[in-house]
Amino acid sequence: MTGCHSSTVNPQRAAVWQCMSNCGACCRLAPDERHEALEVLNESQIKTYMDLVSNDGWCRFYDTGSRKCKIYEDRPDFCKVASLISLFRVEKEQADDFACKCCTQQIKSIYGSRSKEIKRFKKILRMNSNNMSR
């Protein structure tokens, strides 16, 4: 969520967030790259967050081969997109747009702005927007 803040929400845009399988950009937890995440966590959450960070900056429960979380069902609350609403104090009606922006920024920072991951994510967003306008 590099640079992701609630002030970046565009209330005019009708975005519908959807997680993209085989991405894992949100599992990049390097504290020097995720200042905004650490700023909104409480002391207990920060301890948990820091315990998750492996030496390479990725979550220790992220399987880089399969690009999946090994503890997905039991992951901490701050790893759930639904928690973004309360953590970043985003209005409920702006949650999808905020999540889309956060994911876009994180995917670009991890994989690059011309990566297959960002292209797939943008395609998912377009498909969801088209389905909503029908």
C-alpha atoms as a PDB file:
ATOM      1  CA  MET A   1       0.000   0.000   0.000  1.00  0.00           C
ATOM      2  CA  THR A   2       2.786   2.340  -0.748  1.00  0.00           C
ATOM      3  CA  GLY A   3       1.516   5.895  -0.430  1.00  0.00           C
ATOM      4  CA  CYS A   4      -2.056   4.771   0.169  1.00  0.00           C
ATOM      5  CA  HIS A   5      -4.012   7.231   2.286  1.00  0.00           C
ATOM      6  CA  SER A   6      -7.723   7.883   2.671  1.00  0.00           C
ATOM      7  CA  SER A   7      -7.243  11.361   1.181  1.00  0.00           C
ATOM      8  CA  THR A   8      -6.491   9.725  -2.196  1.00  0.00           C
ATOM      9  CA  VAL A   9     -10.051   8.452  -2.623  1.00  0.00           C
ATOM     10  CA  ASN A  10     -11.996   9.760  -5.609  1.00  0.00           C
ATOM     11  CA  PRO A  11     -15.682   9.629  -4.607  1.00  0.00           C
ATOM     12  CA  GLN A  12     -16.776  10.197  -8.245  1.00  0.00           C
ATOM     13  CA  ARG A  13     -15.209   6.961  -9.533  1.00  0.00           C
ATOM     14  CA  ALA A  14     -17.262   3.761  -9.394  1.00  0.00           C
ATOM     15  CA  ALA A  15     -14.583   1.179  -8.709  1.00  0.00           C
ATOM     16  CA  VAL A  16     -15.354  -2.334  -7.552  1.00  0.00           C
ATOM     17  CA  TRP A  17     -12.454  -4.020  -5.775  1.00  0.00           C
ATOM     18  CA  GLN A  18     -11.652  -7.683  -6.242  1.00  0.00           C
ATOM     19  CA  CYS A  19      -8.602  -9.576  -5.067  1.00  0.00           C
ATOM     20  CA  MET A  20      -6.460 -10.968  -7.863  1.00  0.00           C
ATOM     21  CA  SER A  21      -5.197 -14.501  -7.391  1.00  0.00           C
ATOM     22  CA  ASN A  22      -1.483 -15.228  -7.768  1.00  0.00           C
ATOM     23  CA  CYS A  23      -0.449 -11.663  -7.015  1.00  0.00           C
ATOM     24  CA  GLY A  24       0.773 -11.354  -3.427  1.00  0.00           C
ATOM     25  CA  ALA A  25       1.822  -7.716  -3.681  1.00  0.00           C
ATOM     26  CA  CYS A  26       0.111  -7.023  -0.366  1.00  0.00           C
ATOM     27  CA  CYS A  27       2.358  -9.671   1.239  1.00  0.00           C
ATOM     28  CA  ARG A  28       5.403  -7.469   0.719  1.00  0.00           C
ATOM     29  CA  LEU A  29       5.701  -6.157   4.291  1.00  0.00           C
ATOM     30  CA  ALA A  30       9.125  -4.509   4.339  1.00  0.00           C
ATOM     31  CA  PRO A  31       8.668  -1.788   7.001  1.00  0.00           C
ATOM     32  CA  ASP A  32      10.769   0.749   5.075  1.00  0.00           C
ATOM     33  CA  GLU A  33       8.336   0.358   2.162  1.00  0.00           C
ATOM     34  CA  ARG A  34       5.092   0.286   4.161  1.00  0.00           C
ATOM     35  CA  HIS A  35       5.156   3.409   6.348  1.00  0.00           C
ATOM     36  CA  GLU A  36       1.471   4.126   5.823  1.00  0.00           C
ATOM     37  CA  ALA A  37       0.485   0.645   7.031  1.00  0.00           C
ATOM     38  CA  LEU A  38       2.532   0.939  10.197  1.00  0.00           C
ATOM     39  CA  GLU A  39       1.136   4.419  10.898  1.00  0.00           C
ATOM     40  CA  VAL A  40      -2.429   3.115  11.301  1.00  0.00           C
ATOM     41  CA  LEU A  41      -1.701   0.001  13.357  1.00  0.00           C
ATOM     42  CA  ASN A  42      -1.864  -0.092  17.144  1.00  0.00           C
ATOM     43  CA  GLU A  43       1.075  -1.282  19.257  1.00  0.00           C
ATOM     44  CA  SER A  44      -0.068  -4.914  19.360  1.00  0.00           C
ATOM     45  CA  GLN A  45      -0.714  -4.984  15.609  1.00  0.00           C
ATOM     46  CA  ILE A  46       2.722  -3.494  14.917  1.00  0.00           C
ATOM     47  CA  LYS A  47       4.347  -6.261  16.950  1.00  0.00           C
ATOM     48  CA  THR A  48       2.396  -8.895  15.009  1.00  0.00           C
ATOM     49  CA  TYR A  49       3.229  -7.155  11.710  1.00  0.00           C
ATOM     50  CA  MET A  50       6.945  -7.022  12.511  1.00  0.00           C
ATOM     51  CA  ASP A  51       6.904 -10.704  13.536  1.00  0.00           C
ATOM     52  CA  LEU A  52       5.524 -11.542  10.076  1.00  0.00           C
ATOM     53  CA  VAL A  53       8.336  -9.812   8.175  1.00  0.00           C
ATOM     54  CA  SER A  54      11.059 -12.175   6.967  1.00  0.00           C
ATOM     55  CA  ASN A  55      14.620 -11.128   6.101  1.00  0.00           C
ATOM     56  CA  ASP A  56      13.710 -10.525   2.451  1.00  0.00           C
ATOM     57  CA  GLY A  57      10.829  -8.174   3.324  1.00  0.00           C
ATOM     58  CA  TRP A  58       8.049 -10.596   2.399  1.00  0.00           C
ATOM     59  CA  CYS A  59       5.606 -12.067   4.890  1.00  0.00           C
ATOM     60  CA  ARG A  60       7.031 -15.301   6.274  1.00  0.00           C
ATOM     61  CA  PHE A  61       3.720 -17.009   5.501  1.00  0.00           C
ATOM     62  CA  TYR A  62       3.740 -15.980   1.833  1.00  0.00           C
ATOM     63  CA  ASP A  63       4.663 -18.861  -0.472  1.00  0.00           C
ATOM     64  CA  THR A  64       6.570 -17.196  -3.303  1.00  0.00           C
ATOM     65  CA  GLY A  65       6.286 -20.326  -5.480  1.00  0.00           C
ATOM     66  CA  SER A  66       2.500 -20.598  -5.425  1.00  0.00           C
ATOM     67  CA  ARG A  67       2.018 -16.882  -4.605  1.00  0.00           C
ATOM     68  CA  LYS A  68      -0.427 -17.820  -1.860  1.00  0.00           C
ATOM     69  CA  CYS A  69      -0.752 -17.155   1.849  1.00  0.00           C
ATOM     70  CA  LYS A  70      -0.073 -20.226   3.992  1.00  0.00           C
ATOM     71  CA  ILE A  71      -2.342 -18.908   6.779  1.00  0.00           C
ATOM     72  CA  TYR A  72      -5.011 -17.200   4.671  1.00  0.00           C
ATOM     73  CA  GLU A  73      -7.959 -18.340   6.801  1.00  0.00           C
ATOM     74  CA  ASP A  74      -6.176 -17.327  10.019  1.00  0.00           C
ATOM     75  CA  ARG A  75      -4.301 -14.232   8.813  1.00  0.00           C
ATOM     76  CA  PRO A  76      -4.275 -11.126  11.025  1.00  0.00           C
ATOM     77  CA  ASP A  77      -7.113  -8.628  10.653  1.00  0.00           C
ATOM     78  CA  PHE A  78      -4.819  -6.001   9.132  1.00  0.00           C
ATOM     79  CA  CYS A  79      -4.141  -8.420   6.248  1.00  0.00           C
ATOM     80  CA  LYS A  80      -7.820  -8.357   5.272  1.00  0.00           C
ATOM     81  CA  VAL A  81      -8.942  -5.744   2.769  1.00  0.00           C
ATOM     82  CA  ALA A  82     -12.167  -5.313   4.720  1.00  0.00           C
ATOM     83  CA  SER A  83     -10.050  -3.891   7.559  1.00  0.00           C
ATOM     84  CA  LEU A  84      -8.859  -1.032   5.367  1.00  0.00           C
ATOM     85  CA  ILE A  85     -12.134   0.782   6.027  1.00  0.00           C
ATOM     86  CA  SER A  86     -11.570   1.063   9.758  1.00  0.00           C
ATOM     87  CA  LEU A  87      -7.760   1.211   9.764  1.00  0.00           C
ATOM     88  CA  PHE A  88      -7.600   4.124   7.325  1.00  0.00           C
ATOM     89  CA  ARG A  89     -10.930   5.649   8.428  1.00  0.00           C
ATOM     90  CA  VAL A  90     -12.468   5.422   4.984  1.00  0.00           C
ATOM     91  CA  GLU A  91     -16.175   5.992   4.461  1.00  0.00           C
ATOM     92  CA  LYS A  92     -17.915   2.702   3.689  1.00  0.00           C
ATOM     93  CA  GLU A  93     -19.165   3.918   0.295  1.00  0.00           C
ATOM     94  CA  GLN A  94     -15.582   4.755  -0.706  1.00  0.00           C
ATOM     95  CA  ALA A  95     -14.067   1.427   0.408  1.00  0.00           C
ATOM     96  CA  ASP A  96     -13.925  -0.188  -3.046  1.00  0.00           C
ATOM     97  CA  ASP A  97     -12.253   2.816  -4.624  1.00  0.00           C
ATOM     98  CA  PHE A  98      -9.770   3.063  -1.760  1.00  0.00           C
ATOM     99  CA  ALA A  99      -8.908  -0.660  -1.965  1.00  0.00           C
ATOM    100  CA  CYS A 100      -8.475  -0.380  -5.755  1.00  0.00           C
ATOM    101  CA  LYS A 101      -6.087   2.545  -5.372  1.00  0.00           C
ATOM    102  CA  CYS A 102      -4.110   0.812  -2.614  1.00  0.00           C
ATOM    103  CA  CYS A 103      -3.757  -2.378  -4.628  1.00  0.00           C
ATOM    104  CA  THR A 104      -2.824  -0.492  -7.788  1.00  0.00           C
ATOM    105  CA  GLN A 105      -0.104   1.436  -5.940  1.00  0.00           C
ATOM    106  CA  GLN A 106       1.243  -1.676  -4.221  1.00  0.00           C
ATOM    107  CA  ILE A 107       1.241  -3.801  -7.389  1.00  0.00           C
ATOM    108  CA  LYS A 108       3.067  -1.054  -9.298  1.00  0.00           C
ATOM    109  CA  SER A 109       5.650  -0.631  -6.542  1.00  0.00           C
ATOM    110  CA  ILE A 110       6.338  -4.390  -6.333  1.00  0.00           C
ATOM    111  CA  TYR A 111       6.019  -5.565  -9.933  1.00  0.00           C
ATOM    112  CA  GLY A 112       6.236  -2.340 -11.957  1.00  0.00           C
ATOM    113  CA  SER A 113       3.772  -0.155 -13.833  1.00  0.00           C
ATOM    114  CA  ARG A 114       4.089  -2.258 -17.012  1.00  0.00           C
ATOM    115  CA  SER A 115       3.963  -5.668 -15.319  1.00  0.00           C
ATOM    116  CA  LYS A 116       1.599  -8.476 -16.214  1.00  0.00           C
ATOM    117  CA  GLU A 117       0.221  -8.196 -12.651  1.00  0.00           C
ATOM    118  CA  ILE A 118      -0.864  -4.556 -13.032  1.00  0.00           C
ATOM    119  CA  LYS A 119      -2.321  -5.301 -16.477  1.00  0.00           C
ATOM    120  CA  ARG A 120      -4.341  -8.204 -15.044  1.00  0.00           C
ATOM    121  CA  PHE A 121      -5.526  -6.083 -12.118  1.00  0.00           C
ATOM    122  CA  LYS A 122      -6.642  -3.237 -14.383  1.00  0.00           C
ATOM    123  CA  LYS A 123      -8.475  -5.742 -16.578  1.00  0.00           C
ATOM    124  CA  ILE A 124     -10.319  -7.098 -13.524  1.00  0.00           C
ATOM    125  CA  LEU A 125     -11.286  -3.552 -12.512  1.00  0.00           C
ATOM    126  CA  ARG A 126     -12.544  -2.773 -16.009  1.00  0.00           C
ATOM    127  CA  MET A 127     -14.579  -5.994 -16.110  1.00  0.00           C
ATOM    128  CA  ASN A 128     -16.094  -5.221 -12.697  1.00  0.00           C
ATOM    129  CA  SER A 129     -16.902  -1.647 -13.730  1.00  0.00           C
ATOM    130  CA  ASN A 130     -18.535  -2.855 -16.945  1.00  0.00           C
ATOM    131  CA  ASN A 131     -20.609  -5.391 -15.032  1.00  0.00           C
ATOM    132  CA  MET A 132     -21.750  -2.700 -12.578  1.00  0.00           C
ATOM    133  CA  SER A 133     -22.890  -0.358 -15.365  1.00  0.00           C
ATOM    134  CA  ARG A 134     -25.227  -2.962 -16.901  1.00  0.00           C
END
